[in-house]
Structure formats: structure tokens, C-alpha cells
Amino acid sequence: NSFKGNAGFGYSYKPGHTSPYILFVMAELEAETSGYLEDNYRAGGGVSGGMFIDFGENWRLQLGAEYKRFPLGHDSEYIRYDSKLRYSPHKDVDLRLEYQRFDRKDQGLFSVNIYF
């Protein structure tokens, strides 16, 4: 089991009302407790940023990156990159293709979401 909490502040920018993209950046503090960590906890912070790009009404691409450093407790750090592509053919259905690289490990995911 682990317990995690975080807080932060962010900023987003959209160049114009009809612009197809949004840029964002966030700064965060995070603390976590777990029996799997040295000293049973870690605390630190980092930054993340990325962009959303809309390709018409039905397509959206999200690109992002995150860096976190935990100097207190279990001394560690990580870098995460991700990209997510969403296609929504109907207001109640979307298809998603996701890729994530986290600590030299790659992960892919395809999902179909139905909302009701």
C-alpha cells in the first residue's frame, strides 16, 4: 500500500480563441509513504509541461514530459514522457492510443471508452 499527495501551480496558454493548440506548464510538490521505499517515504517536487493539439472536431493529441526529484526520504528522481491520441466519433464514444516512457521502460495502451 502507498499513500500519495501532491499540490502545485500551473499556467496554460492558448494563442487565440480559434487556435488548435494549448501549451501548459506546472510546478508540483509531492509526498508519498510506502513500505517499498527506503525510510518508508519520499518527498520532493518537479515540473511538467506539454501541449494539446486539436485536429478538427474529433481528434486530439497530447504530448507531455515530467521531471520529479525526491531529495527527502527515499532519494530518487524520474523523467516521464507521454503521448496520447484520442479519436471521438460520437459524443459518447472515444478511442485512445497512448505511449509512455518512464525510467527507461516503455508502455503502450489502446482503449475504447463508452460513456453513458
Protein backbone atom coordinates (compact mmCIF):
# COMPACT_ATOMS: atom_id res chain seq x y z
CA ASN A 1 0.00 0.00 0.00
CA SER A 2 1.05 3.55 -0.56
CA PHE A 3 -0.39 6.97 0.13
CA LYS A 4 0.46 9.90 -2.08
CA GLY A 5 -0.42 13.57 -2.10
CA ASN A 6 0.61 16.49 -4.26
CA ALA A 7 -0.07 20.15 -4.81
CA GLY A 8 1.06 22.59 -7.41
CA PHE A 9 0.57 25.59 -9.59
CA GLY A 10 0.30 25.76 -13.35
CA TYR A 11 -0.09 28.02 -16.31
CA SER A 12 -1.66 27.39 -19.71
CA TYR A 13 -1.51 29.45 -22.87
CA LYS A 14 -3.76 29.41 -25.93
CA PRO A 15 -2.56 31.82 -28.65
CA GLY A 16 -6.03 32.72 -29.88
CA HIS A 17 -9.67 31.82 -29.45
CA THR A 18 -9.64 29.59 -32.54
CA SER A 19 -6.10 28.23 -32.05
CA PRO A 20 -5.87 24.42 -32.34
CA TYR A 21 -3.36 24.06 -29.52
CA ILE A 22 -2.84 24.80 -25.83
CA LEU A 23 0.56 24.88 -24.09
CA PHE A 24 0.87 24.16 -20.37
CA VAL A 25 3.50 24.05 -17.62
CA MET A 26 3.12 23.06 -13.94
CA ALA A 27 5.28 23.04 -10.81
CA GLU A 28 4.41 20.47 -8.12
CA LEU A 29 5.33 19.27 -4.65
CA GLU A 30 4.71 15.60 -3.87
CA ALA A 31 4.95 13.33 -0.81
CA GLU A 32 4.45 9.55 -0.68
CA THR A 33 4.54 6.87 2.01
CA SER A 34 5.06 3.20 1.22
CA GLY A 35 6.73 0.16 2.74
CA TYR A 36 8.56 -0.33 -0.57
CA LEU A 37 10.53 2.91 -0.19
CA GLU A 38 13.73 3.33 1.82
CA ASP A 39 12.79 5.12 5.07
CA ASN A 40 9.12 4.36 4.08
CA TYR A 41 8.59 7.79 2.47
CA ARG A 42 9.82 10.26 -0.11
CA ALA A 43 9.13 13.94 -0.67
CA GLY A 44 10.14 16.40 -3.33
CA GLY A 45 8.87 18.15 -6.39
CA GLY A 46 9.29 18.87 -10.03
CA VAL A 47 7.91 20.32 -13.22
CA SER A 48 5.77 19.09 -16.08
CA GLY A 49 4.69 20.56 -19.35
CA GLY A 50 3.26 19.80 -22.71
CA MET A 51 0.65 20.65 -25.27
CA PHE A 52 -2.78 19.68 -26.55
CA ILE A 53 -3.38 19.84 -30.31
CA ASP A 54 -6.86 19.53 -31.83
CA PHE A 55 -7.14 18.16 -35.37
CA GLY A 56 -10.71 19.01 -36.25
CA GLU A 57 -13.63 18.17 -34.00
CA ASN A 58 -12.86 14.50 -33.41
CA TRP A 59 -9.08 14.22 -32.97
CA ARG A 60 -6.84 15.41 -30.12
CA LEU A 61 -3.13 14.79 -29.50
CA GLN A 62 -1.48 15.37 -26.12
CA LEU A 63 2.32 15.50 -25.75
CA GLY A 64 3.93 15.85 -22.34
CA ALA A 65 7.01 15.44 -20.18
CA GLU A 66 7.61 15.45 -16.43
CA TYR A 67 10.68 15.58 -14.18
CA LYS A 68 10.47 14.92 -10.43
CA ARG A 69 13.21 14.82 -7.79
CA PHE A 70 12.73 13.44 -4.27
CA PRO A 71 15.64 14.53 -2.01
CA LEU A 72 13.85 13.71 1.28
CA GLY A 73 13.43 10.12 2.48
CA HIS A 74 13.94 7.68 -0.40
CA ASP A 75 16.33 9.71 -2.59
CA SER A 76 15.16 9.27 -6.18
CA GLU A 77 14.18 11.01 -9.40
CA TYR A 78 12.40 10.21 -12.63
CA ILE A 79 11.66 11.53 -16.08
CA ARG A 80 8.43 10.60 -17.87
CA TYR A 81 7.43 11.26 -21.48
CA ASP A 82 4.00 10.53 -22.88
CA SER A 83 1.84 10.99 -25.92
CA LYS A 84 -1.89 10.34 -26.20
CA LEU A 85 -4.05 10.32 -29.31
CA ARG A 86 -7.84 10.45 -28.95
CA TYR A 87 -10.47 9.96 -31.64
CA SER A 88 -14.10 10.63 -30.73
CA PRO A 89 -16.52 9.56 -33.49
CA HIS A 90 -19.54 10.22 -31.25
CA LYS A 91 -20.09 12.26 -28.07
CA ASP A 92 -20.48 9.02 -26.06
CA VAL A 93 -17.53 7.06 -27.53
CA ASP A 94 -13.81 7.62 -27.85
CA LEU A 95 -10.80 5.56 -28.92
CA ARG A 96 -7.42 6.25 -27.33
CA LEU A 97 -3.88 5.25 -28.20
CA GLU A 98 -1.27 6.07 -25.56
CA TYR A 99 2.51 5.71 -25.28
CA GLN A 100 4.54 6.37 -22.13
CA ARG A 101 8.27 6.15 -21.37
CA PHE A 102 9.04 6.07 -17.65
CA ASP A 103 12.51 5.29 -16.22
CA ARG A 104 13.71 3.58 -19.43
CA LYS A 105 10.53 1.47 -19.60
CA ASP A 106 8.06 1.75 -22.46
CA GLN A 107 4.33 1.20 -22.22
CA GLY A 108 1.56 1.36 -24.80
CA LEU A 109 -2.19 1.26 -24.34
CA PHE A 110 -5.20 1.14 -26.64
CA SER A 111 -8.65 1.71 -25.12
CA VAL A 112 -12.25 2.09 -26.18
CA ASN A 113 -14.35 4.24 -23.83
CA ILE A 114 -18.13 4.30 -23.85
CA TYR A 115 -19.85 6.99 -21.77
CA PHE A 116 -23.47 6.72 -20.66
